[in-house]
Amino acid sequence: MSMKSQLGFTLIELLVALVILTLLSVAGYRGLDAVLQARERVSAETRKWQHLAFFFSRMNQDIAQAVRRPVRDEDGSIVRAAWVGTAVTVGENAELIFTRAGIPDQGAALQAPQRIGYHLEQGTIVMLRWPSLDQAPRAKPVRYPVLEGVREFKLRYLDKDGVWQPQWQYPTDLSSLPLAAEVTLTLAGGEVITRLFALQ
């Protein structure tokens, strides 16, 4: 047996092995970090599209159940149209407010027709639900955040002549409903999504 084999690894060989091990560890860490970051991005995108799908599904259900029922406001003397689509949000009004039919197989509060609205507020679309159709004095809607990360929320409405209207306010026919509503969202990331909802 030679003297070299009895002595084992030299100091230089140990240093080279440590350098190689360090390089492999750094490469492995970077690869793992890239995989984890990619997985987090995919999860975030999945959550975003799931929230969008839920929002559009909910809005579709509400719009499909719109009914021709005008309401009295909190003063009791002014009748509001069954469907109001405004270009500019004012106070607690929303971009879209309408009367929808009740929801079967729910509590008594939800089985009756409801007055609801959709409103963009500081990057979040909020759904408004009033406690009753003909509103009591100083009645305030309950607010439900339904979609975050929205830069713009635009709507337009198809009238009976097949013309798209940017607003829907018909003082001569308060029970009038559009044939369809088009919703265009611009998300915080710049994506633009358009959906068309038909009324029954």
N, C-alpha and C. Protein backbone atom coordinates (compact mmCIF):
# COMPACT_ATOMS: atom_id res chain seq x y z
N MET A 1 0.85 -1.19 0.00
CA MET A 1 0.00 0.00 0.00
C MET A 1 0.88 1.23 0.00
N SER A 2 0.62 2.20 -0.87
CA SER A 2 1.47 3.38 -1.00
C SER A 2 1.22 4.34 0.15
N MET A 3 2.18 5.22 0.35
CA MET A 3 2.08 6.25 1.37
C MET A 3 0.92 7.21 1.08
N LYS A 4 0.68 7.55 -0.19
CA LYS A 4 -0.37 8.50 -0.57
C LYS A 4 -1.75 7.99 -0.23
N SER A 5 -2.00 6.69 -0.45
CA SER A 5 -3.32 6.14 -0.16
C SER A 5 -3.57 6.09 1.35
N GLN A 6 -2.49 5.97 2.15
CA GLN A 6 -2.67 5.96 3.60
C GLN A 6 -2.99 7.35 4.14
N LEU A 7 -2.50 8.39 3.50
CA LEU A 7 -2.70 9.75 3.99
C LEU A 7 -4.11 10.25 3.69
N GLY A 8 -4.88 9.72 2.75
CA GLY A 8 -6.22 10.16 2.41
C GLY A 8 -6.19 11.41 1.54
N PHE A 9 -7.25 12.27 1.68
CA PHE A 9 -7.37 13.47 0.86
C PHE A 9 -6.40 14.54 1.33
N THR A 10 -5.86 15.24 0.37
CA THR A 10 -5.00 16.38 0.71
C THR A 10 -5.88 17.60 0.99
N LEU A 11 -5.33 18.65 1.55
CA LEU A 11 -6.06 19.86 1.87
C LEU A 11 -6.63 20.50 0.59
N ILE A 12 -5.86 20.49 -0.48
CA ILE A 12 -6.33 21.07 -1.73
C ILE A 12 -7.54 20.30 -2.26
N GLU A 13 -7.49 18.96 -2.15
CA GLU A 13 -8.63 18.16 -2.60
C GLU A 13 -9.88 18.44 -1.79
N LEU A 14 -9.72 18.63 -0.47
CA LEU A 14 -10.85 18.96 0.37
C LEU A 14 -11.43 20.32 0.01
N LEU A 15 -10.57 21.29 -0.26
CA LEU A 15 -11.04 22.62 -0.65
C LEU A 15 -11.78 22.58 -1.98
N VAL A 16 -11.27 21.84 -2.92
CA VAL A 16 -11.93 21.71 -4.22
C VAL A 16 -13.30 21.05 -4.04
N ALA A 17 -13.37 20.03 -3.20
CA ALA A 17 -14.65 19.36 -2.94
C ALA A 17 -15.65 20.31 -2.29
N LEU A 18 -15.15 21.13 -1.34
CA LEU A 18 -16.05 22.09 -0.69
C LEU A 18 -16.55 23.14 -1.67
N VAL A 19 -15.69 23.61 -2.56
CA VAL A 19 -16.10 24.60 -3.56
C VAL A 19 -17.17 24.00 -4.48
N ILE A 20 -16.94 22.76 -4.93
CA ILE A 20 -17.91 22.11 -5.81
C ILE A 20 -19.25 21.93 -5.08
N LEU A 21 -19.19 21.50 -3.82
CA LEU A 21 -20.41 21.31 -3.03
C LEU A 21 -21.16 22.64 -2.86
N THR A 22 -20.40 23.73 -2.64
CA THR A 22 -21.02 25.05 -2.49
C THR A 22 -21.71 25.49 -3.78
N LEU A 23 -21.02 25.29 -4.90
CA LEU A 23 -21.61 25.66 -6.18
C LEU A 23 -22.87 24.85 -6.47
N LEU A 24 -22.84 23.57 -6.16
CA LEU A 24 -24.03 22.74 -6.36
C LEU A 24 -25.17 23.19 -5.46
N SER A 25 -24.85 23.56 -4.21
CA SER A 25 -25.88 24.02 -3.27
C SER A 25 -26.51 25.31 -3.75
N VAL A 26 -25.68 26.27 -4.23
CA VAL A 26 -26.20 27.54 -4.73
C VAL A 26 -27.09 27.31 -5.94
N ALA A 27 -26.65 26.46 -6.86
CA ALA A 27 -27.44 26.18 -8.05
C ALA A 27 -28.77 25.51 -7.67
N GLY A 28 -28.71 24.58 -6.72
CA GLY A 28 -29.93 23.92 -6.28
C GLY A 28 -30.89 24.89 -5.61
N TYR A 29 -30.35 25.80 -4.77
CA TYR A 29 -31.20 26.79 -4.10
C TYR A 29 -31.87 27.70 -5.11
N ARG A 30 -31.07 28.17 -6.09
CA ARG A 30 -31.65 29.06 -7.11
C ARG A 30 -32.73 28.34 -7.92
N GLY A 31 -32.48 27.08 -8.24
CA GLY A 31 -33.49 26.32 -8.98
C GLY A 31 -34.76 26.13 -8.18
N LEU A 32 -34.60 25.80 -6.89
CA LEU A 32 -35.76 25.63 -6.02
C LEU A 32 -36.52 26.94 -5.85
N ASP A 33 -35.77 28.04 -5.68
CA ASP A 33 -36.41 29.35 -5.52
C ASP A 33 -37.20 29.72 -6.78
N ALA A 34 -36.63 29.44 -7.95
CA ALA A 34 -37.34 29.73 -9.20
C ALA A 34 -38.61 28.91 -9.31
N VAL A 35 -38.55 27.64 -8.91
CA VAL A 35 -39.74 26.79 -8.94
C VAL A 35 -40.80 27.32 -8.00
N LEU A 36 -40.40 27.71 -6.76
CA LEU A 36 -41.36 28.22 -5.79
C LEU A 36 -41.99 29.53 -6.26
N GLN A 37 -41.17 30.41 -6.85
CA GLN A 37 -41.71 31.67 -7.36
C GLN A 37 -42.69 31.42 -8.51
N ALA A 38 -42.34 30.50 -9.40
CA ALA A 38 -43.24 30.18 -10.52
C ALA A 38 -44.55 29.59 -10.00
N ARG A 39 -44.45 28.73 -8.98
CA ARG A 39 -45.67 28.15 -8.41
C ARG A 39 -46.54 29.22 -7.77
N GLU A 40 -45.92 30.20 -7.08
CA GLU A 40 -46.69 31.27 -6.46
C GLU A 40 -47.36 32.15 -7.51
N ARG A 41 -46.65 32.41 -8.62
CA ARG A 41 -47.26 33.20 -9.70
C ARG A 41 -48.45 32.46 -10.30
N VAL A 42 -48.29 31.15 -10.51
CA VAL A 42 -49.40 30.36 -11.07
C VAL A 42 -50.58 30.35 -10.10
N SER A 43 -50.29 30.21 -8.80
CA SER A 43 -51.37 30.20 -7.80
C SER A 43 -52.09 31.54 -7.78
N ALA A 44 -51.32 32.64 -7.86
CA ALA A 44 -51.93 33.97 -7.85
C ALA A 44 -52.80 34.17 -9.09
N GLU A 45 -52.32 33.74 -10.25
CA GLU A 45 -53.12 33.86 -11.47
C GLU A 45 -54.39 33.00 -11.39
N THR A 46 -54.24 31.80 -10.83
CA THR A 46 -55.40 30.92 -10.68
C THR A 46 -56.44 31.56 -9.78
N ARG A 47 -55.99 32.12 -8.64
CA ARG A 47 -56.93 32.78 -7.73
C ARG A 47 -57.61 33.96 -8.41
N LYS A 48 -56.85 34.74 -9.19
CA LYS A 48 -57.42 35.90 -9.88
C LYS A 48 -58.53 35.47 -10.83
N TRP A 49 -58.28 34.46 -11.64
CA TRP A 49 -59.29 34.03 -12.61
C TRP A 49 -60.46 33.33 -11.94
N GLN A 50 -60.23 32.66 -10.82
CA GLN A 50 -61.34 32.08 -10.07
C GLN A 50 -62.25 33.17 -9.52
N HIS A 51 -61.65 34.25 -8.97
CA HIS A 51 -62.44 35.36 -8.45
C HIS A 51 -63.22 36.04 -9.58
N LEU A 52 -62.58 36.19 -10.73
CA LEU A 52 -63.28 36.78 -11.88
C LEU A 52 -64.46 35.90 -12.31
N ALA A 53 -64.24 34.61 -12.38
CA ALA A 53 -65.32 33.69 -12.78
C ALA A 53 -66.47 33.77 -11.80
N PHE A 54 -66.16 33.82 -10.50
CA PHE A 54 -67.22 33.93 -9.49
C PHE A 54 -67.96 35.25 -9.64
N PHE A 55 -67.24 36.36 -9.86
CA PHE A 55 -67.88 37.66 -10.01
C PHE A 55 -68.82 37.68 -11.21
N PHE A 56 -68.34 37.21 -12.36
CA PHE A 56 -69.17 37.23 -13.56
C PHE A 56 -70.38 36.29 -13.41
N SER A 57 -70.18 35.16 -12.75
CA SER A 57 -71.30 34.25 -12.53
C SER A 57 -72.36 34.90 -11.64
N ARG A 58 -71.92 35.56 -10.60
CA ARG A 58 -72.87 36.23 -9.70
C ARG A 58 -73.60 37.36 -10.41
N MET A 59 -72.86 38.16 -11.17
CA MET A 59 -73.48 39.28 -11.87
C MET A 59 -74.46 38.76 -12.92
N ASN A 60 -74.10 37.68 -13.59
CA ASN A 60 -74.99 37.10 -14.59
C ASN A 60 -76.30 36.64 -13.95
N GLN A 61 -76.22 35.99 -12.79
CA GLN A 61 -77.43 35.54 -12.11
C GLN A 61 -78.31 36.72 -11.72
N ASP A 62 -77.68 37.80 -11.22
CA ASP A 62 -78.46 38.97 -10.82
C ASP A 62 -79.14 39.63 -12.01
N ILE A 63 -78.37 39.86 -13.07
CA ILE A 63 -78.92 40.56 -14.24
C ILE A 63 -80.00 39.72 -14.91
N ALA A 64 -79.80 38.41 -14.97
CA ALA A 64 -80.81 37.55 -15.61
C ALA A 64 -82.14 37.58 -14.87
N GLN A 65 -82.11 37.96 -13.58
CA GLN A 65 -83.33 37.97 -12.78
C GLN A 65 -83.90 39.38 -12.61
N ALA A 66 -83.44 40.35 -13.42
CA ALA A 66 -83.96 41.71 -13.32
C ALA A 66 -85.45 41.74 -13.63
N VAL A 67 -86.19 42.55 -12.87
CA VAL A 67 -87.64 42.65 -13.05
C VAL A 67 -88.03 44.12 -13.21
N ARG A 68 -89.20 44.31 -13.83
CA ARG A 68 -89.70 45.67 -14.12
C ARG A 68 -90.43 46.23 -12.89
N ARG A 69 -89.70 46.53 -11.86
CA ARG A 69 -90.30 47.02 -10.62
C ARG A 69 -89.60 48.31 -10.19
N PRO A 70 -90.17 49.49 -10.51
CA PRO A 70 -89.62 50.75 -9.97
C PRO A 70 -89.76 50.76 -8.45
N VAL A 71 -89.01 51.64 -7.79
CA VAL A 71 -89.03 51.71 -6.32
C VAL A 71 -89.14 53.17 -5.89
N ARG A 72 -89.60 53.36 -4.66
CA ARG A 72 -89.60 54.68 -4.06
C ARG A 72 -88.31 54.86 -3.25
N ASP A 73 -87.74 56.07 -3.33
CA ASP A 73 -86.50 56.31 -2.61
C ASP A 73 -86.79 56.61 -1.14
N GLU A 74 -85.73 56.95 -0.39
CA GLU A 74 -85.88 57.15 1.05
C GLU A 74 -86.76 58.34 1.41
N ASP A 75 -86.98 59.27 0.47
CA ASP A 75 -87.90 60.38 0.74
C ASP A 75 -89.36 59.96 0.59
N GLY A 76 -89.61 58.86 -0.11
CA GLY A 76 -90.95 58.37 -0.28
C GLY A 76 -91.75 59.04 -1.38
N SER A 77 -91.21 60.12 -1.93
CA SER A 77 -91.97 60.88 -2.93
C SER A 77 -91.42 60.72 -4.34
N ILE A 78 -90.20 60.22 -4.47
CA ILE A 78 -89.56 60.09 -5.78
C ILE A 78 -89.50 58.62 -6.14
N VAL A 79 -89.96 58.31 -7.33
CA VAL A 79 -89.92 56.93 -7.81
C VAL A 79 -88.69 56.75 -8.68
N ARG A 80 -87.91 55.73 -8.36
CA ARG A 80 -86.70 55.42 -9.12
C ARG A 80 -87.01 54.30 -10.12
N ALA A 81 -86.35 54.36 -11.27
CA ALA A 81 -86.59 53.38 -12.32
C ALA A 81 -86.18 51.98 -11.88
N ALA A 82 -86.77 50.99 -12.53
CA ALA A 82 -86.42 49.60 -12.23
C ALA A 82 -84.95 49.32 -12.52
N TRP A 83 -84.40 49.99 -13.52
CA TRP A 83 -83.00 49.80 -13.92
C TRP A 83 -82.38 51.17 -14.13
N VAL A 84 -81.29 51.45 -13.42
CA VAL A 84 -80.59 52.73 -13.54
C VAL A 84 -79.11 52.44 -13.79
N GLY A 85 -78.64 52.86 -14.95
CA GLY A 85 -77.23 52.74 -15.27
C GLY A 85 -76.64 54.12 -15.48
N THR A 86 -75.74 54.52 -14.60
CA THR A 86 -75.18 55.87 -14.67
C THR A 86 -73.75 55.84 -15.17
N ALA A 87 -73.34 56.94 -15.78
CA ALA A 87 -71.97 57.05 -16.26
C ALA A 87 -71.03 57.51 -15.15
N VAL A 88 -71.56 58.22 -14.16
CA VAL A 88 -70.74 58.76 -13.08
C VAL A 88 -71.37 58.35 -11.76
N THR A 89 -70.54 57.89 -10.83
CA THR A 89 -71.03 57.51 -9.52
C THR A 89 -71.22 58.75 -8.66
N VAL A 90 -72.38 58.86 -8.02
CA VAL A 90 -72.67 60.01 -7.16
C VAL A 90 -73.13 59.49 -5.80
N GLY A 91 -72.46 59.94 -4.74
CA GLY A 91 -72.84 59.53 -3.40
C GLY A 91 -72.84 58.02 -3.26
N GLU A 92 -73.95 57.49 -2.78
CA GLU A 92 -74.05 56.04 -2.61
C GLU A 92 -74.72 55.37 -3.79
N ASN A 93 -74.98 56.13 -4.85
CA ASN A 93 -75.47 55.51 -6.07
C ASN A 93 -74.35 54.67 -6.67
N ALA A 94 -74.69 53.82 -7.59
CA ALA A 94 -73.70 52.94 -8.20
C ALA A 94 -73.74 53.10 -9.70
N GLU A 95 -72.74 52.52 -10.36
CA GLU A 95 -72.76 52.52 -11.81
C GLU A 95 -73.99 51.78 -12.33
N LEU A 96 -74.46 50.82 -11.56
CA LEU A 96 -75.63 50.04 -11.97
C LEU A 96 -76.47 49.71 -10.75
N ILE A 97 -77.76 50.05 -10.79
CA ILE A 97 -78.71 49.70 -9.74
C ILE A 97 -79.96 49.16 -10.41
N PHE A 98 -80.50 48.06 -9.89
CA PHE A 98 -81.72 47.51 -10.49
C PHE A 98 -82.46 46.64 -9.48
N THR A 99 -83.67 46.28 -9.85
CA THR A 99 -84.50 45.39 -9.04
C THR A 99 -84.41 43.99 -9.62
N ARG A 100 -84.15 43.03 -8.76
CA ARG A 100 -84.09 41.65 -9.22
C ARG A 100 -85.10 40.82 -8.43
N ALA A 101 -85.51 39.71 -9.05
CA ALA A 101 -86.44 38.79 -8.39
C ALA A 101 -85.75 38.16 -7.19
N GLY A 102 -86.58 37.62 -6.28
CA GLY A 102 -86.03 36.95 -5.11
C GLY A 102 -85.33 35.65 -5.48
N ILE A 103 -84.59 35.13 -4.50
CA ILE A 103 -83.85 33.89 -4.71
C ILE A 103 -84.61 32.75 -4.03
N PRO A 104 -85.09 31.77 -4.79
CA PRO A 104 -85.83 30.66 -4.18
C PRO A 104 -84.95 29.87 -3.21
N ASP A 105 -85.60 29.18 -2.28
CA ASP A 105 -84.92 28.28 -1.35
C ASP A 105 -83.91 29.01 -0.47
N GLN A 106 -84.12 30.31 -0.25
CA GLN A 106 -83.28 31.08 0.65
C GLN A 106 -84.13 31.61 1.80
N GLY A 107 -83.51 32.36 2.68
CA GLY A 107 -84.24 32.94 3.80
C GLY A 107 -85.30 33.91 3.31
N ALA A 108 -86.19 34.28 4.22
CA ALA A 108 -87.31 35.15 3.85
C ALA A 108 -86.83 36.47 3.28
N ALA A 109 -85.69 36.97 3.78
CA ALA A 109 -85.18 38.26 3.32
C ALA A 109 -84.75 38.21 1.85
N LEU A 110 -84.34 37.02 1.39
CA LEU A 110 -83.85 36.89 0.02
C LEU A 110 -84.91 36.37 -0.94
N GLN A 111 -86.01 35.85 -0.44
CA GLN A 111 -87.06 35.33 -1.33
C GLN A 111 -87.87 36.46 -1.96
N ALA A 112 -87.94 37.60 -1.30
CA ALA A 112 -88.66 38.76 -1.85
C ALA A 112 -87.78 39.46 -2.88
N PRO A 113 -88.36 40.21 -3.83
CA PRO A 113 -87.54 41.00 -4.77
C PRO A 113 -86.56 41.91 -4.03
N GLN A 114 -85.43 42.15 -4.65
CA GLN A 114 -84.36 42.89 -4.00
C GLN A 114 -83.90 44.05 -4.87
N ARG A 115 -83.40 45.08 -4.22
CA ARG A 115 -82.79 46.22 -4.91
C ARG A 115 -81.29 46.11 -4.69
N ILE A 116 -80.54 45.95 -5.78
CA ILE A 116 -79.10 45.77 -5.66
C ILE A 116 -78.37 46.72 -6.61
N GLY A 117 -77.08 46.85 -6.39
CA GLY A 117 -76.27 47.70 -7.25
C GLY A 117 -74.83 47.20 -7.29
N TYR A 118 -74.09 47.66 -8.30
CA TYR A 118 -72.66 47.36 -8.44
C TYR A 118 -71.92 48.68 -8.60
N HIS A 119 -70.79 48.80 -7.89
CA HIS A 119 -70.11 50.08 -7.78
C HIS A 119 -68.61 49.83 -7.63
N LEU A 120 -67.79 50.58 -8.40
CA LEU A 120 -66.33 50.50 -8.27
C LEU A 120 -65.87 51.53 -7.26
N GLU A 121 -65.12 51.06 -6.26
CA GLU A 121 -64.69 51.93 -5.17
C GLU A 121 -63.25 51.58 -4.78
N GLN A 122 -62.32 52.49 -5.11
CA GLN A 122 -60.91 52.31 -4.74
C GLN A 122 -60.36 50.95 -5.16
N GLY A 123 -60.60 50.61 -6.41
CA GLY A 123 -60.03 49.38 -6.96
C GLY A 123 -60.80 48.11 -6.65
N THR A 124 -61.94 48.24 -5.97
CA THR A 124 -62.74 47.07 -5.62
C THR A 124 -64.18 47.27 -6.07
N ILE A 125 -64.75 46.26 -6.75
CA ILE A 125 -66.17 46.32 -7.09
C ILE A 125 -66.96 45.86 -5.87
N VAL A 126 -67.87 46.73 -5.47
CA VAL A 126 -68.70 46.47 -4.28
C VAL A 126 -70.14 46.25 -4.74
N MET A 127 -70.76 45.20 -4.21
CA MET A 127 -72.19 45.00 -4.46
C MET A 127 -72.97 45.63 -3.32
N LEU A 128 -74.01 46.40 -3.67
CA LEU A 128 -74.88 47.03 -2.69
C LEU A 128 -76.22 46.31 -2.66
N ARG A 129 -76.73 46.09 -1.46
CA ARG A 129 -78.04 45.46 -1.32
C ARG A 129 -78.86 46.27 -0.32
N TRP A 130 -79.98 46.82 -0.79
CA TRP A 130 -80.83 47.62 0.08
C TRP A 130 -81.75 46.71 0.88
N PRO A 131 -82.12 47.10 2.10
CA PRO A 131 -82.93 46.23 2.96
C PRO A 131 -84.34 45.99 2.44
N SER A 132 -84.85 46.88 1.59
CA SER A 132 -86.19 46.69 1.03
C SER A 132 -86.27 47.44 -0.28
N LEU A 133 -87.28 47.12 -1.08
CA LEU A 133 -87.43 47.80 -2.37
C LEU A 133 -87.80 49.27 -2.17
N ASP A 134 -88.92 49.52 -1.53
CA ASP A 134 -89.32 50.89 -1.24
C ASP A 134 -88.63 51.28 0.07
N GLN A 135 -87.68 52.17 -0.05
CA GLN A 135 -86.73 52.37 1.04
C GLN A 135 -87.27 53.26 2.15
N ALA A 136 -86.97 52.86 3.36
CA ALA A 136 -87.35 53.64 4.53
C ALA A 136 -86.45 54.87 4.64
N PRO A 137 -86.87 55.88 5.39
CA PRO A 137 -86.02 57.07 5.58
C PRO A 137 -84.63 56.69 6.10
N ARG A 138 -83.62 57.31 5.48
CA ARG A 138 -82.22 57.11 5.85
C ARG A 138 -81.77 55.65 5.69
N ALA A 139 -82.43 54.94 4.82
CA ALA A 139 -82.02 53.54 4.58
C ALA A 139 -80.67 53.52 3.87
N LYS A 140 -79.79 52.65 4.33
CA LYS A 140 -78.46 52.50 3.74
C LYS A 140 -78.28 51.07 3.23
N PRO A 141 -77.64 50.91 2.08
CA PRO A 141 -77.42 49.55 1.59
C PRO A 141 -76.32 48.84 2.35
N VAL A 142 -76.42 47.52 2.42
CA VAL A 142 -75.33 46.69 2.93
C VAL A 142 -74.32 46.53 1.80
N ARG A 143 -73.04 46.59 2.14
CA ARG A 143 -71.98 46.59 1.13
C ARG A 143 -71.20 45.28 1.19
N TYR A 144 -71.00 44.65 0.02
CA TYR A 144 -70.25 43.41 -0.07
C TYR A 144 -69.14 43.56 -1.11
N PRO A 145 -67.87 43.57 -0.72
CA PRO A 145 -66.80 43.56 -1.74
C PRO A 145 -66.85 42.24 -2.51
N VAL A 146 -66.88 42.31 -3.84
CA VAL A 146 -67.00 41.09 -4.63
C VAL A 146 -65.82 40.87 -5.59
N LEU A 147 -65.03 41.90 -5.88
CA LEU A 147 -63.89 41.71 -6.77
C LEU A 147 -62.86 42.81 -6.55
N GLU A 148 -61.62 42.42 -6.25
CA GLU A 148 -60.54 43.38 -6.03
C GLU A 148 -59.65 43.46 -7.27
N GLY A 149 -58.79 44.48 -7.29
CA GLY A 149 -57.81 44.61 -8.36
C GLY A 149 -58.40 45.08 -9.67
N VAL A 150 -59.38 46.00 -9.61
CA VAL A 150 -60.04 46.50 -10.82
C VAL A 150 -59.70 47.98 -11.00
N ARG A 151 -59.20 48.33 -12.18
CA ARG A 151 -58.85 49.72 -12.47
C ARG A 151 -60.04 50.48 -13.05
N GLU A 152 -60.79 49.84 -13.95
CA GLU A 152 -61.95 50.48 -14.57
C GLU A 152 -63.12 49.50 -14.63
N PHE A 153 -64.32 50.06 -14.48
CA PHE A 153 -65.55 49.27 -14.51
C PHE A 153 -66.54 50.03 -15.39
N LYS A 154 -66.73 49.53 -16.63
CA LYS A 154 -67.57 50.23 -17.59
C LYS A 154 -68.75 49.36 -17.98
N LEU A 155 -69.89 50.01 -18.16
CA LEU A 155 -71.09 49.30 -18.58
C LEU A 155 -71.76 50.06 -19.71
N ARG A 156 -72.47 49.32 -20.56
CA ARG A 156 -73.35 49.94 -21.55
C ARG A 156 -74.53 49.00 -21.76
N TYR A 157 -75.60 49.53 -22.36
CA TYR A 157 -76.88 48.84 -22.34
C TYR A 157 -77.51 48.84 -23.73
N LEU A 158 -78.04 47.69 -24.12
CA LEU A 158 -78.64 47.52 -25.44
C LEU A 158 -80.13 47.83 -25.36
N ASP A 159 -80.58 48.85 -26.14
CA ASP A 159 -82.00 49.21 -26.09
C ASP A 159 -82.80 48.37 -27.10
N LYS A 160 -84.11 48.59 -27.14
CA LYS A 160 -84.99 47.78 -27.98
C LYS A 160 -84.76 48.00 -29.46
N ASP A 161 -84.07 49.10 -29.83
CA ASP A 161 -83.75 49.36 -31.23
C ASP A 161 -82.39 48.79 -31.64
N GLY A 162 -81.76 48.09 -30.74
CA GLY A 162 -80.46 47.49 -31.04
C GLY A 162 -79.30 48.47 -30.96
N VAL A 163 -79.48 49.57 -30.22
CA VAL A 163 -78.43 50.59 -30.08
C VAL A 163 -77.87 50.51 -28.67
N TRP A 164 -76.54 50.54 -28.58
CA TRP A 164 -75.89 50.52 -27.27
C TRP A 164 -75.91 51.91 -26.65
N GLN A 165 -76.36 51.98 -25.39
CA GLN A 165 -76.46 53.24 -24.67
C GLN A 165 -75.45 53.26 -23.53
N PRO A 166 -74.72 54.37 -23.36
CA PRO A 166 -73.77 54.44 -22.24
C PRO A 166 -74.44 54.63 -20.89
N GLN A 167 -75.70 55.09 -20.89
CA GLN A 167 -76.45 55.26 -19.65
C GLN A 167 -77.85 54.69 -19.86
N TRP A 168 -78.53 54.38 -18.74
CA TRP A 168 -79.89 53.88 -18.83
C TRP A 168 -80.74 54.58 -17.77
N GLN A 169 -81.41 55.64 -18.20
CA GLN A 169 -82.30 56.38 -17.33
C GLN A 169 -83.48 56.85 -18.17
N TYR A 170 -84.64 56.23 -17.97
CA TYR A 170 -85.81 56.53 -18.79
C TYR A 170 -86.92 57.10 -17.89
N PRO A 171 -86.98 58.42 -17.73
CA PRO A 171 -88.00 59.00 -16.85
C PRO A 171 -89.42 58.79 -17.34
N THR A 172 -89.61 58.54 -18.63
CA THR A 172 -90.97 58.35 -19.16
C THR A 172 -91.46 56.91 -19.00
N ASP A 173 -90.55 55.98 -18.80
CA ASP A 173 -90.94 54.57 -18.64
C ASP A 173 -90.05 53.97 -17.56
N LEU A 174 -90.46 54.12 -16.32
CA LEU A 174 -89.62 53.70 -15.20
C LEU A 174 -89.49 52.20 -15.08
N SER A 175 -90.31 51.44 -15.79
CA SER A 175 -90.21 49.99 -15.73
C SER A 175 -89.36 49.43 -16.88
N SER A 176 -88.81 50.31 -17.70
CA SER A 176 -88.06 49.86 -18.88
C SER A 176 -86.77 49.15 -18.47
N LEU A 177 -86.47 48.07 -19.19
CA LEU A 177 -85.22 47.32 -19.01
C LEU A 177 -84.49 47.22 -20.33
N PRO A 178 -83.17 47.21 -20.31
CA PRO A 178 -82.44 46.96 -21.56
C PRO A 178 -82.57 45.50 -21.98
N LEU A 179 -82.21 45.23 -23.23
CA LEU A 179 -82.21 43.85 -23.69
C LEU A 179 -80.99 43.10 -23.19
N ALA A 180 -79.89 43.84 -23.01
CA ALA A 180 -78.64 43.22 -22.55
C ALA A 180 -77.76 44.29 -21.92
N ALA A 181 -76.80 43.84 -21.14
CA ALA A 181 -75.81 44.72 -20.53
C ALA A 181 -74.43 44.19 -20.86
N GLU A 182 -73.54 45.09 -21.22
CA GLU A 182 -72.15 44.72 -21.49
C GLU A 182 -71.26 45.30 -20.40
N VAL A 183 -70.43 44.44 -19.81
CA VAL A 183 -69.54 44.85 -18.73
C VAL A 183 -68.11 44.71 -19.22
N THR A 184 -67.33 45.79 -19.07
CA THR A 184 -65.91 45.77 -19.44
C THR A 184 -65.08 46.12 -18.21
N LEU A 185 -64.20 45.21 -17.83
CA LEU A 185 -63.31 45.43 -16.69
C LEU A 185 -61.89 45.63 -17.20
N THR A 186 -61.20 46.62 -16.65
CA THR A 186 -59.76 46.75 -16.82
C THR A 186 -59.13 46.42 -15.49
N LEU A 187 -58.34 45.37 -15.44
CA LEU A 187 -57.74 44.93 -14.19
C LEU A 187 -56.50 45.74 -13.86
N ALA A 188 -56.03 45.61 -12.64
CA ALA A 188 -54.85 46.36 -12.20
C ALA A 188 -53.64 46.02 -13.05
N GLY A 189 -53.57 44.79 -13.56
CA GLY A 189 -52.45 44.38 -14.40
C GLY A 189 -52.57 44.81 -15.84
N GLY A 190 -53.67 45.47 -16.21
CA GLY A 190 -53.85 45.96 -17.57
C GLY A 190 -54.72 45.09 -18.45
N GLU A 191 -55.10 43.89 -17.98
CA GLU A 191 -55.96 43.03 -18.78
C GLU A 191 -57.35 43.64 -18.92
N VAL A 192 -57.92 43.55 -20.12
CA VAL A 192 -59.26 44.07 -20.38
C VAL A 192 -60.17 42.88 -20.69
N ILE A 193 -61.25 42.76 -19.95
CA ILE A 193 -62.17 41.63 -20.09
C ILE A 193 -63.57 42.16 -20.31
N THR A 194 -64.26 41.65 -21.31
CA THR A 194 -65.62 42.09 -21.64
C THR A 194 -66.56 40.90 -21.59
N ARG A 195 -67.70 41.09 -20.95
CA ARG A 195 -68.72 40.05 -20.89
C ARG A 195 -70.07 40.66 -21.24
N LEU A 196 -70.91 39.88 -21.93
CA LEU A 196 -72.24 40.32 -22.34
C LEU A 196 -73.27 39.49 -21.57
N PHE A 197 -74.24 40.19 -20.95
CA PHE A 197 -75.27 39.52 -20.15
C PHE A 197 -76.64 39.85 -20.74
N ALA A 198 -77.39 38.83 -21.07
CA ALA A 198 -78.74 39.03 -21.60
C ALA A 198 -79.75 39.03 -20.47
N LEU A 199 -80.76 39.90 -20.60
CA LEU A 199 -81.85 39.90 -19.64
C LEU A 199 -82.94 38.99 -20.11
N GLN A 200 -83.69 38.42 -19.21
CA GLN A 200 -84.77 37.50 -19.59
C GLN A 200 -85.93 38.29 -20.17
